[in-house]
PDB file of all heavy atoms in Angstrom:
ATOM      1  N   LEU A   1     236.908 138.654 160.374  1.00  0.00           N
ATOM      2  CA  LEU A   1     237.157 140.110 160.523  1.00  0.00           C
ATOM      3  C   LEU A   1     235.972 140.844 160.067  1.00  0.00           C
ATOM      4  O   LEU A   1     235.263 140.545 158.959  1.00  0.00           O
ATOM      5  CB  LEU A   1     238.400 140.548 159.780  1.00  0.00           C
ATOM      6  CG  LEU A   1     239.785 140.242 160.508  1.00  0.00           C
ATOM      7  CD1 LEU A   1     240.820 140.276 159.640  1.00  0.00           C
ATOM      8  CD2 LEU A   1     239.832 141.172 161.699  1.00  0.00           C
ATOM      9  N   LYS A   2     235.630 141.913 160.678  1.00  0.00           N
ATOM     10  CA  LYS A   2     234.544 142.869 160.407  1.00  0.00           C
ATOM     11  C   LYS A   2     234.970 144.181 160.122  1.00  0.00           C
ATOM     12  O   LYS A   2     236.152 144.691 160.558  1.00  0.00           O
ATOM     13  CB  LYS A   2     233.561 142.919 161.603  1.00  0.00           C
ATOM     14  CG  LYS A   2     233.069 141.545 162.057  1.00  0.00           C
ATOM     15  CD  LYS A   2     232.272 141.693 163.414  1.00  0.00           C
ATOM     16  CE  LYS A   2     231.759 140.340 163.821  1.00  0.00           C
ATOM     17  NZ  LYS A   2     230.894 140.570 165.065  1.00  0.00           N
ATOM     18  N   PRO A   3     234.228 145.018 159.353  1.00  0.00           N
ATOM     19  CA  PRO A   3     234.645 146.456 159.130  1.00  0.00           C
ATOM     20  C   PRO A   3     234.966 147.227 160.429  1.00  0.00           C
ATOM     21  O   PRO A   3     235.864 148.018 160.326  1.00  0.00           O
ATOM     22  CB  PRO A   3     233.507 146.975 158.386  1.00  0.00           C
ATOM     23  CG  PRO A   3     232.814 145.841 157.736  1.00  0.00           C
ATOM     24  CD  PRO A   3     233.072 144.740 158.654  1.00  0.00           C
ATOM     25  N   GLU A   4     234.321 146.957 161.438  1.00  0.00           N
ATOM     26  CA  GLU A   4     234.563 147.632 162.743  1.00  0.00           C
ATOM     27  C   GLU A   4     235.792 147.200 163.420  1.00  0.00           C
ATOM     28  O   GLU A   4     236.228 147.807 164.361  1.00  0.00           O
ATOM     29  CB  GLU A   4     233.366 147.454 163.684  1.00  0.00           C
ATOM     30  CG  GLU A   4     232.911 146.095 163.861  1.00  0.00           C
ATOM     31  CD  GLU A   4     231.755 145.612 163.014  1.00  0.00           C
ATOM     32  OE1 GLU A   4     231.696 145.951 161.808  1.00  0.00           O
ATOM     33  OE2 GLU A   4     230.833 144.907 163.552  1.00  0.00           O
ATOM     34  N   ASP A   5     236.523 146.259 162.900  1.00  0.00           N
ATOM     35  CA  ASP A   5     237.860 145.897 163.333  1.00  0.00           C
ATOM     36  C   ASP A   5     238.907 146.760 162.754  1.00  0.00           C
ATOM     37  O   ASP A   5     240.095 146.679 163.156  1.00  0.00           O
ATOM     38  CB  ASP A   5     238.175 144.473 163.012  1.00  0.00           C
ATOM     39  CG  ASP A   5     237.248 143.442 163.741  1.00  0.00           C
ATOM     40  OD1 ASP A   5     236.995 143.732 164.943  1.00  0.00           O
ATOM     41  OD2 ASP A   5     236.834 142.431 163.116  1.00  0.00           O
ATOM     42  N   THR A   6     238.508 147.612 161.829  1.00  0.00           N
ATOM     43  CA  THR A   6     239.495 148.492 161.161  1.00  0.00           C
ATOM     44  C   THR A   6     240.140 149.508 162.202  1.00  0.00           C
ATOM     45  O   THR A   6     239.431 150.159 162.936  1.00  0.00           O
ATOM     46  CB  THR A   6     238.787 149.306 160.092  1.00  0.00           C
ATOM     47  OG1 THR A   6     238.400 148.415 159.030  1.00  0.00           O
ATOM     48  CG2 THR A   6     239.773 150.375 159.467  1.00  0.00           C
ATOM     49  N   ALA A   7     241.460 149.477 162.298  1.00  0.00           N
ATOM     50  CA  ALA A   7     242.044 150.292 163.294  1.00  0.00           C
ATOM     51  C   ALA A   7     243.559 150.120 163.023  1.00  0.00           C
ATOM     52  O   ALA A   7     244.076 149.257 162.342  1.00  0.00           O
ATOM     53  CB  ALA A   7     241.725 149.867 164.689  1.00  0.00           C
ATOM     54  N   VAL A   8     244.386 150.952 163.826  1.00  0.00           N
ATOM     55  CA  VAL A   8     245.805 150.708 164.035  1.00  0.00           C
ATOM     56  C   VAL A   8     245.970 149.814 165.193  1.00  0.00           C
ATOM     57  O   VAL A   8     245.424 150.102 166.255  1.00  0.00           O
ATOM     58  CB  VAL A   8     246.598 152.058 164.182  1.00  0.00           C
ATOM     59  CG1 VAL A   8     248.026 151.729 164.357  1.00  0.00           C
ATOM     60  CG2 VAL A   8     246.431 152.886 162.914  1.00  0.00           C
ATOM     61  N   TYR A   9     246.642 148.731 165.068  1.00  0.00           N
ATOM     62  CA  TYR A   9     246.841 147.824 166.167  1.00  0.00           C
ATOM     63  C   TYR A   9     248.290 147.906 166.699  1.00  0.00           C
ATOM     64  O   TYR A   9     249.221 148.031 165.955  1.00  0.00           O
ATOM     65  CB  TYR A   9     246.723 146.364 165.629  1.00  0.00           C
ATOM     66  CG  TYR A   9     245.204 146.027 165.484  1.00  0.00           C
ATOM     67  CD1 TYR A   9     244.494 146.573 164.470  1.00  0.00           C
ATOM     68  CD2 TYR A   9     244.531 145.067 166.351  1.00  0.00           C
ATOM     69  CE1 TYR A   9     243.108 146.310 164.190  1.00  0.00           C
ATOM     70  CE2 TYR A   9     243.187 144.881 166.151  1.00  0.00           C
ATOM     71  CZ  TYR A   9     242.451 145.465 165.115  1.00  0.00           C
ATOM     72  OH  TYR A   9     241.216 145.140 164.901  1.00  0.00           O
ATOM     73  N   TYR A  10     248.311 148.088 168.052  1.00  0.00           N
ATOM     74  CA  TYR A  10     249.584 148.258 168.770  1.00  0.00           C
ATOM     75  C   TYR A  10     249.842 147.118 169.711  1.00  0.00           C
ATOM     76  O   TYR A  10     248.883 146.657 170.407  1.00  0.00           O
ATOM     77  CB  TYR A  10     249.542 149.611 169.572  1.00  0.00           C
ATOM     78  CG  TYR A  10     249.320 150.784 168.744  1.00  0.00           C
ATOM     79  CD1 TYR A  10     247.986 151.280 168.523  1.00  0.00           C
ATOM     80  CD2 TYR A  10     250.351 151.523 168.342  1.00  0.00           C
ATOM     81  CE1 TYR A  10     247.793 152.451 167.907  1.00  0.00           C
ATOM     82  CE2 TYR A  10     250.251 152.668 167.538  1.00  0.00           C
ATOM     83  CZ  TYR A  10     248.912 153.198 167.331  1.00  0.00           C
ATOM     84  OH  TYR A  10     248.665 154.347 166.722  1.00  0.00           O
ATOM     85  N   CYS A  11     251.048 146.617 169.820  1.00  0.00           N
ATOM     86  CA  CYS A  11     251.384 145.703 170.845  1.00  0.00           C
ATOM     87  C   CYS A  11     251.977 146.520 171.992  1.00  0.00           C
ATOM     88  O   CYS A  11     252.614 147.622 171.909  1.00  0.00           O
ATOM     89  CB  CYS A  11     252.360 144.598 170.344  1.00  0.00           C
ATOM     90  SG  CYS A  11     253.976 145.207 169.730  1.00  0.00           S
ATOM     91  N   ASN A  12     251.741 145.892 173.159  1.00  0.00           N
ATOM     92  CA  ASN A  12     252.244 146.472 174.493  1.00  0.00           C
ATOM     93  C   ASN A  12     252.804 145.446 175.342  1.00  0.00           C
ATOM     94  O   ASN A  12     252.018 144.380 175.593  1.00  0.00           O
ATOM     95  CB  ASN A  12     251.115 147.288 175.105  1.00  0.00           C
ATOM     96  CG  ASN A  12     251.483 147.692 176.491  1.00  0.00           C
ATOM     97  OD1 ASN A  12     251.315 147.039 177.531  1.00  0.00           O
ATOM     98  ND2 ASN A  12     252.078 148.965 176.604  1.00  0.00           N
ATOM     99  N   PHE A  13     253.987 145.581 175.782  1.00  0.00           N
ATOM    100  CA  PHE A  13     254.644 144.617 176.666  1.00  0.00           C
ATOM    101  C   PHE A  13     254.901 145.298 178.017  1.00  0.00           C
ATOM    102  O   PHE A  13     255.422 146.384 178.088  1.00  0.00           O
ATOM    103  CB  PHE A  13     255.927 144.195 176.127  1.00  0.00           C
ATOM    104  CG  PHE A  13     255.931 143.210 175.019  1.00  0.00           C
ATOM    105  CD1 PHE A  13     254.761 143.063 174.231  1.00  0.00           C
ATOM    106  CD2 PHE A  13     256.976 142.485 174.603  1.00  0.00           C
ATOM    107  CE1 PHE A  13     254.734 142.127 173.168  1.00  0.00           C
ATOM    108  CE2 PHE A  13     256.957 141.568 173.565  1.00  0.00           C
ATOM    109  CZ  PHE A  13     255.849 141.408 172.931  1.00  0.00           C
ATOM    110  N   ASP A  14     254.110 144.768 179.086  1.00  0.00           N
ATOM    111  CA  ASP A  14     254.433 145.320 180.307  1.00  0.00           C
ATOM    112  C   ASP A  14     255.405 144.252 180.998  1.00  0.00           C
ATOM    113  O   ASP A  14     255.046 143.244 181.389  1.00  0.00           O
ATOM    114  CB  ASP A  14     253.164 145.415 181.163  1.00  0.00           C
ATOM    115  CG  ASP A  14     253.380 145.944 182.508  1.00  0.00           C
ATOM    116  OD1 ASP A  14     254.339 145.604 183.282  1.00  0.00           O
ATOM    117  OD2 ASP A  14     252.526 146.757 182.911  1.00  0.00           O
ATOM    118  N   LEU A  15     256.684 144.723 181.186  1.00  0.00           N
ATOM    119  CA  LEU A  15     257.715 143.832 181.795  1.00  0.00           C
ATOM    120  C   LEU A  15     258.089 144.287 183.146  1.00  0.00           C
ATOM    121  O   LEU A  15     258.824 145.237 183.216  1.00  0.00           O
ATOM    122  CB  LEU A  15     258.819 143.723 180.798  1.00  0.00           C
ATOM    123  CG  LEU A  15     258.596 143.484 179.335  1.00  0.00           C
ATOM    124  CD1 LEU A  15     259.832 143.566 178.446  1.00  0.00           C
ATOM    125  CD2 LEU A  15     257.908 142.138 179.198  1.00  0.00           C
ATOM    126  N   GLY A  16     257.531 143.594 184.083  1.00  0.00           N
ATOM    127  CA  GLY A  16     257.882 143.926 185.568  1.00  0.00           C
ATOM    128  C   GLY A  16     257.468 145.414 185.891  1.00  0.00           C
ATOM    129  O   GLY A  16     258.157 146.096 186.680  1.00  0.00           O
ATOM    130  N   GLY A  17     256.495 145.840 185.283  1.00  0.00           N
ATOM    131  CA  GLY A  17     255.934 147.273 185.528  1.00  0.00           C
ATOM    132  C   GLY A  17     256.366 148.324 184.576  1.00  0.00           C
ATOM    133  O   GLY A  17     255.974 149.444 184.582  1.00  0.00           O
ATOM    134  N   ARG A  18     257.256 147.914 183.708  1.00  0.00           N
ATOM    135  CA  ARG A  18     257.705 148.957 182.676  1.00  0.00           C
ATOM    136  C   ARG A  18     257.042 148.484 181.323  1.00  0.00           C
ATOM    137  O   ARG A  18     257.070 147.414 180.903  1.00  0.00           O
ATOM    138  CB  ARG A  18     259.239 148.874 182.428  1.00  0.00           C
ATOM    139  CG  ARG A  18     260.051 149.320 183.712  1.00  0.00           C
ATOM    140  CD  ARG A  18     261.546 149.549 183.340  1.00  0.00           C
ATOM    141  NE  ARG A  18     261.732 150.522 182.313  1.00  0.00           N
ATOM    142  CZ  ARG A  18     262.842 151.053 181.986  1.00  0.00           C
ATOM    143  NH1 ARG A  18     263.916 150.322 182.292  1.00  0.00           N
ATOM    144  NH2 ARG A  18     262.877 152.023 181.139  1.00  0.00           N
ATOM    145  N   GLY A  19     256.345 149.636 180.808  1.00  0.00           N
ATOM    146  CA  GLY A  19     255.610 149.370 179.579  1.00  0.00           C
ATOM    147  C   GLY A  19     256.336 149.817 178.330  1.00  0.00           C
ATOM    148  O   GLY A  19     257.019 150.738 178.257  1.00  0.00           O
ATOM    149  N   TYR A  20     256.191 149.008 177.306  1.00  0.00           N
ATOM    150  CA  TYR A  20     256.810 149.315 175.942  1.00  0.00           C
ATOM    151  C   TYR A  20     255.650 149.192 174.851  1.00  0.00           C
ATOM    152  O   TYR A  20     254.851 148.305 175.021  1.00  0.00           O
ATOM    153  CB  TYR A  20     257.842 148.266 175.681  1.00  0.00           C
ATOM    154  CG  TYR A  20     259.025 148.414 176.692  1.00  0.00           C
ATOM    155  CD1 TYR A  20     258.923 147.587 177.829  1.00  0.00           C
ATOM    156  CD2 TYR A  20     260.041 149.302 176.643  1.00  0.00           C
ATOM    157  CE1 TYR A  20     259.959 147.502 178.832  1.00  0.00           C
ATOM    158  CE2 TYR A  20     261.000 149.268 177.570  1.00  0.00           C
ATOM    159  CZ  TYR A  20     260.948 148.385 178.713  1.00  0.00           C
ATOM    160  OH  TYR A  20     261.993 148.476 179.557  1.00  0.00           O
ATOM    161  N   TRP A  21     255.727 150.095 173.910  1.00  0.00           N
ATOM    162  CA  TRP A  21     254.700 150.031 172.779  1.00  0.00           C
ATOM    163  C   TRP A  21     255.422 149.799 171.512  1.00  0.00           C
ATOM    164  O   TRP A  21     256.628 150.284 171.162  1.00  0.00           O
ATOM    165  CB  TRP A  21     254.010 151.323 172.738  1.00  0.00           C
ATOM    166  CG  TRP A  21     253.113 151.661 173.826  1.00  0.00           C
ATOM    167  CD1 TRP A  21     253.290 152.237 175.006  1.00  0.00           C
ATOM    168  CD2 TRP A  21     251.670 151.291 173.951  1.00  0.00           C
ATOM    169  NE1 TRP A  21     252.205 152.293 175.797  1.00  0.00           N
ATOM    170  CE2 TRP A  21     251.219 151.685 175.124  1.00  0.00           C
ATOM    171  CE3 TRP A  21     250.868 150.442 172.981  1.00  0.00           C
ATOM    172  CZ2 TRP A  21     249.874 151.363 175.578  1.00  0.00           C
ATOM    173  CZ3 TRP A  21     249.537 150.293 173.413  1.00  0.00           C
ATOM    174  CH2 TRP A  21     249.097 150.781 174.632  1.00  0.00           C
ATOM    175  N   GLY A  22     254.732 149.049 170.537  1.00  0.00           N
ATOM    176  CA  GLY A  22     255.152 148.942 169.219  1.00  0.00           C
ATOM    177  C   GLY A  22     254.706 150.308 168.459  1.00  0.00           C
ATOM    178  O   GLY A  22     253.931 151.054 168.864  1.00  0.00           O
ATOM    179  N   GLN A  23     255.072 150.235 167.215  1.00  0.00           N
ATOM    180  CA  GLN A  23     254.819 151.604 166.308  1.00  0.00           C
ATOM    181  C   GLN A  23     253.560 151.488 165.741  1.00  0.00           C
ATOM    182  O   GLN A  23     253.088 152.556 165.241  1.00  0.00           O
ATOM    183  CB  GLN A  23     255.876 151.571 165.310  1.00  0.00           C
ATOM    184  CG  GLN A  23     255.683 150.672 163.977  1.00  0.00           C
ATOM    185  CD  GLN A  23     256.043 149.249 164.275  1.00  0.00           C
ATOM    186  OE1 GLN A  23     256.475 148.864 165.251  1.00  0.00           O
ATOM    187  NE2 GLN A  23     255.863 148.412 163.191  1.00  0.00           N
ATOM    188  N   GLY A  24     252.797 150.351 165.804  1.00  0.00           N
ATOM    189  CA  GLY A  24     251.494 150.268 165.194  1.00  0.00           C
ATOM    190  C   GLY A  24     251.492 149.670 163.824  1.00  0.00           C
ATOM    191  O   GLY A  24     252.385 149.849 163.011  1.00  0.00           O
ATOM    192  N   THR A  25     250.470 148.903 163.481  1.00  0.00           N
ATOM    193  CA  THR A  25     250.330 148.396 162.243  1.00  0.00           C
ATOM    194  C   THR A  25     248.821 148.544 161.755  1.00  0.00           C
ATOM    195  O   THR A  25     247.921 148.244 162.604  1.00  0.00           O
ATOM    196  CB  THR A  25     250.761 146.864 162.135  1.00  0.00           C
ATOM    197  OG1 THR A  25     250.698 146.405 160.797  1.00  0.00           O
ATOM    198  CG2 THR A  25     249.961 146.000 163.117  1.00  0.00           C
ATOM    199  N   GLN A  26     248.579 148.900 160.543  1.00  0.00           N
ATOM    200  CA  GLN A  26     247.229 149.307 160.114  1.00  0.00           C
ATOM    201  C   GLN A  26     246.516 147.992 159.641  1.00  0.00           C
ATOM    202  O   GLN A  26     246.975 147.210 158.842  1.00  0.00           O
ATOM    203  CB  GLN A  26     247.198 150.189 158.926  1.00  0.00           C
ATOM    204  CG  GLN A  26     245.835 150.594 158.427  1.00  0.00           C
ATOM    205  CD  GLN A  26     245.143 151.390 159.215  1.00  0.00           C
ATOM    206  OE1 GLN A  26     245.506 152.345 159.930  1.00  0.00           O
ATOM    207  NE2 GLN A  26     243.749 151.038 159.436  1.00  0.00           N
ATOM    208  N   VAL A  27     245.348 147.820 160.201  1.00  0.00           N
ATOM    209  CA  VAL A  27     244.383 146.663 159.720  1.00  0.00           C
ATOM    210  C   VAL A  27     243.111 147.457 159.145  1.00  0.00           C
ATOM    211  O   VAL A  27     242.573 148.188 159.844  1.00  0.00           O
ATOM    212  CB  VAL A  27     244.075 145.728 160.755  1.00  0.00           C
ATOM    213  CG1 VAL A  27     242.915 144.798 160.291  1.00  0.00           C
ATOM    214  CG2 VAL A  27     245.221 145.031 161.385  1.00  0.00           C
ATOM    215  N   THR A  28     242.875 147.154 157.883  1.00  0.00           N
ATOM    216  CA  THR A  28     241.599 147.728 157.280  1.00  0.00           C
ATOM    217  C   THR A  28     240.805 146.568 156.713  1.00  0.00           C
ATOM    218  O   THR A  28     241.278 145.701 155.980  1.00  0.00           O
ATOM    219  CB  THR A  28     241.972 148.637 156.120  1.00  0.00           C
ATOM    220  OG1 THR A  28     242.860 149.767 156.579  1.00  0.00           O
ATOM    221  CG2 THR A  28     240.841 149.316 155.514  1.00  0.00           C
ATOM    222  N   VAL A  29     239.558 146.531 157.102  1.00  0.00           N
ATOM    223  CA  VAL A  29     238.586 145.547 156.697  1.00  0.00           C
ATOM    224  C   VAL A  29     237.567 146.136 155.913  1.00  0.00           C
ATOM    225  O   VAL A  29     236.803 146.958 156.313  1.00  0.00           O
ATOM    226  CB  VAL A  29     237.997 144.826 157.940  1.00  0.00           C
ATOM    227  CG1 VAL A  29     237.113 143.599 157.410  1.00  0.00           C
ATOM    228  CG2 VAL A  29     239.010 144.320 158.885  1.00  0.00           C
TER     229      VAL A  29
END
């Protein structure tokens, strides 16, 4: 991991054309 990887990370599931998002999780390097 690098400092430039610091961000809020979100998962996204596209299920048959319908998209869903997670709430996000913070990664700090």
